[in-house]
């Protein structure tokens, strides 16, 4: 009989211990932390400003506070497309995105229209060198700045840090 009382007492203590361990969780506050991206107009202090010459393809990237121009080299520099209304989103001190709008119907990116937004991604930026990956994918441009920021990204495959999918450039 003594064993039966002890067993019941032990079982009751075990149930109370289980309830205490599983049923009384301290309240925790769940916080959604969202990464904030700052997109702002390009200004003259931005390190990406300048003329950049690609080493592999002799392409040229001209980035000013007001224009982004892309040239290919064929018996000299030939302007392929031109954009204005530049914005920048810096990821860190050596990488980021530059966004701009197509405005010249004769000098426009593939599958884009005048007024659409475009983007380039730059990384490994130093005083004299940078790697530039231009947006390429199913869309040639986006209708709004918000859309281009969300869609033309490395993560979605429009740009890449993979060898052969960017231009290694030096400052001219």
Protein backbone atom coordinates (compact mmCIF):
# COMPACT_ATOMS: atom_id res chain seq x y z
CA UNK A 1 0.00 0.00 0.00
CA UNK A 2 2.86 2.28 0.82
CA UNK A 3 4.23 1.79 -2.72
CA UNK A 4 0.89 2.71 -4.27
CA UNK A 5 0.68 5.99 -2.31
CA UNK A 6 4.28 6.78 -3.19
CA UNK A 7 3.59 6.01 -6.90
CA UNK A 8 0.51 8.24 -6.94
CA UNK A 9 2.40 11.02 -5.19
CA UNK A 10 5.30 10.65 -7.61
CA UNK A 11 2.96 10.68 -10.64
CA UNK A 12 1.17 13.80 -9.36
CA UNK A 13 4.50 15.56 -8.79
CA UNK A 14 5.62 14.58 -12.28
CA UNK A 15 2.42 15.99 -13.85
CA UNK A 16 2.80 19.26 -11.92
CA UNK A 17 6.46 19.53 -12.99
CA UNK A 18 5.56 18.94 -16.66
CA UNK A 19 2.83 21.56 -16.54
CA UNK A 20 5.16 24.02 -14.88
CA UNK A 21 7.84 23.49 -17.51
CA UNK A 22 5.57 23.61 -20.56
CA UNK A 23 2.57 25.68 -19.53
CA UNK A 24 4.21 28.69 -17.96
CA UNK A 25 6.31 30.19 -20.66
CA UNK A 26 7.45 33.73 -19.99
CA UNK A 27 5.80 36.26 -22.23
CA UNK A 28 8.01 37.38 -25.07
CA UNK A 29 7.50 40.28 -27.37
CA UNK A 30 7.82 39.49 -31.05
CA UNK A 31 9.39 42.28 -33.01
CA UNK A 32 9.48 42.43 -36.77
CA UNK A 33 12.78 43.93 -37.78
CA UNK A 34 12.70 45.23 -41.32
CA UNK A 35 15.81 46.33 -43.15
CA UNK A 36 15.37 49.91 -44.22
CA UNK A 37 16.87 50.93 -47.54
CA UNK A 38 17.68 54.55 -48.07
CA UNK A 39 17.30 55.66 -51.67
CA UNK A 40 18.39 59.24 -52.26
CA UNK A 41 19.45 61.48 -55.13
CA UNK A 42 23.07 61.06 -56.23
CA UNK A 43 25.33 63.89 -55.10
CA UNK A 44 28.87 64.96 -55.91
CA UNK A 45 30.34 63.34 -52.79
CA UNK A 46 29.29 59.82 -53.85
CA UNK A 47 32.39 57.73 -54.61
CA UNK A 48 30.80 56.07 -57.66
CA UNK A 49 30.73 59.42 -59.52
CA UNK A 50 33.20 59.38 -62.41
CA UNK A 51 34.18 57.82 -65.73
CA UNK A 52 34.87 54.11 -65.51
CA UNK A 53 36.49 52.04 -68.28
CA UNK A 54 35.87 48.30 -68.42
CA UNK A 55 39.06 46.25 -68.78
CA UNK A 56 37.59 43.21 -70.56
CA UNK A 57 35.22 44.83 -73.03
CA UNK A 58 36.47 48.44 -73.21
CA UNK A 59 32.95 49.52 -72.28
CA UNK A 60 32.60 52.85 -70.53
CA UNK A 61 30.33 53.93 -67.71
CA UNK A 62 29.90 57.63 -67.14
CA UNK A 63 28.19 58.48 -63.85
CA UNK A 64 27.53 62.09 -62.90
CA UNK A 65 25.07 63.69 -60.50
CA UNK A 66 22.60 64.11 -63.34
CA UNK A 67 23.31 61.36 -65.94
CA UNK A 68 24.34 57.76 -66.32
CA UNK A 69 25.65 56.97 -69.81
CA UNK A 70 26.74 53.59 -71.09
CA UNK A 71 29.16 53.34 -74.04
CA UNK A 72 30.48 50.39 -75.98
CA UNK A 73 33.78 50.61 -77.76
CA UNK A 74 33.76 50.11 -81.51
CA UNK A 75 36.25 52.33 -83.30
CA UNK A 76 35.90 54.72 -80.40
CA UNK A 77 33.23 55.15 -77.76
CA UNK A 78 29.67 54.84 -79.01
CA UNK A 79 26.86 55.93 -76.70
CA UNK A 80 24.57 52.94 -76.28
CA UNK A 81 22.09 54.40 -73.85
CA UNK A 82 21.66 57.42 -71.63
CA UNK A 83 19.62 58.06 -68.51
CA UNK A 84 18.98 60.90 -66.07
CA UNK A 85 17.28 61.49 -62.71
CA UNK A 86 19.85 59.47 -60.73
CA UNK A 87 19.26 57.94 -57.30
CA UNK A 88 21.58 55.79 -55.20
CA UNK A 89 21.11 53.07 -52.58
CA UNK A 90 24.35 52.32 -50.80
CA UNK A 91 24.66 48.86 -49.31
CA UNK A 92 27.97 49.63 -47.63
CA UNK A 93 31.01 51.77 -48.37
CA UNK A 94 32.04 49.66 -51.39
CA UNK A 95 28.75 48.54 -52.94
CA UNK A 96 25.31 49.74 -53.91
CA UNK A 97 22.82 50.42 -56.67
CA UNK A 98 22.39 53.42 -58.96
CA UNK A 99 18.91 53.97 -60.38
CA UNK A 100 18.06 56.24 -63.30
CA UNK A 101 15.40 56.91 -65.95
CA UNK A 102 15.54 56.48 -69.69
CA UNK A 103 14.72 59.76 -71.44
CA UNK A 104 16.05 59.43 -75.01
CA UNK A 105 14.14 57.02 -77.25
CA UNK A 106 17.18 56.68 -79.54
CA UNK A 107 19.57 55.78 -76.71
CA UNK A 108 17.60 53.35 -74.62
CA UNK A 109 18.23 49.91 -73.11
CA UNK A 110 16.87 46.72 -74.64
CA UNK A 111 13.16 46.14 -74.06
CA UNK A 112 12.68 49.45 -72.20
CA UNK A 113 10.63 52.57 -72.91
CA UNK A 114 11.18 56.26 -72.29
CA UNK A 115 10.37 57.13 -68.68
CA UNK A 116 11.15 53.69 -67.31
CA UNK A 117 13.69 53.16 -64.54
CA UNK A 118 16.93 51.19 -64.88
CA UNK A 119 19.62 50.10 -62.42
CA UNK A 120 23.25 49.15 -62.15
CA UNK A 121 24.91 47.39 -59.25
CA UNK A 122 28.45 48.28 -58.23
CA UNK A 123 30.76 46.50 -55.81
CA UNK A 124 34.41 46.31 -54.73
CA UNK A 125 34.58 50.09 -55.12
CA UNK A 126 37.93 51.71 -54.38
CA UNK A 127 39.32 55.11 -55.32
CA UNK A 128 40.55 53.78 -58.68
CA UNK A 129 38.51 50.65 -59.45
CA UNK A 130 35.01 49.20 -59.34
CA UNK A 131 33.02 46.24 -60.64
CA UNK A 132 29.77 47.16 -62.39
CA UNK A 133 26.93 44.79 -63.21
CA UNK A 134 24.14 46.16 -65.37
CA UNK A 135 20.58 44.99 -65.00
CA UNK A 136 19.63 42.24 -67.44
CA UNK A 137 16.59 40.03 -67.35
CA UNK A 138 13.04 39.63 -68.56
CA UNK A 139 12.29 43.31 -68.03
CA UNK A 140 14.29 46.14 -69.58
CA UNK A 141 12.90 48.79 -67.26
CA UNK A 142 10.46 49.42 -64.44
CA UNK A 143 7.65 51.97 -64.33
CA UNK A 144 8.45 53.42 -60.90
CA UNK A 145 11.48 54.01 -58.69
CA UNK A 146 9.92 51.79 -56.01
CA UNK A 147 9.51 48.96 -58.52
CA UNK A 148 13.10 49.15 -59.78
CA UNK A 149 14.44 49.16 -56.20
CA UNK A 150 12.45 46.03 -55.38
CA UNK A 151 12.95 44.12 -58.63
CA UNK A 152 16.34 44.94 -60.17
CA UNK A 153 18.49 43.26 -57.54
CA UNK A 154 21.32 40.76 -57.27
CA UNK A 155 19.00 38.51 -55.24
CA UNK A 156 16.46 38.35 -58.08
CA UNK A 157 19.19 37.70 -60.67
CA UNK A 158 19.13 40.98 -62.59
CA UNK A 159 22.74 41.67 -61.60
CA UNK A 160 25.54 39.40 -60.47
CA UNK A 161 28.89 39.21 -58.73
CA UNK A 162 29.64 36.08 -60.77
CA UNK A 163 32.71 36.27 -63.02
CA UNK A 164 31.75 37.22 -66.58
CA UNK A 165 28.55 38.98 -65.53
CA UNK A 166 30.11 42.29 -64.56
CA UNK A 167 32.72 44.70 -65.88
CA UNK A 168 35.93 45.23 -63.96
CA UNK A 169 36.59 48.94 -64.39
CA UNK A 170 39.29 51.46 -63.64
CA UNK A 171 38.78 55.18 -63.22
CA UNK A 172 39.65 57.30 -66.25
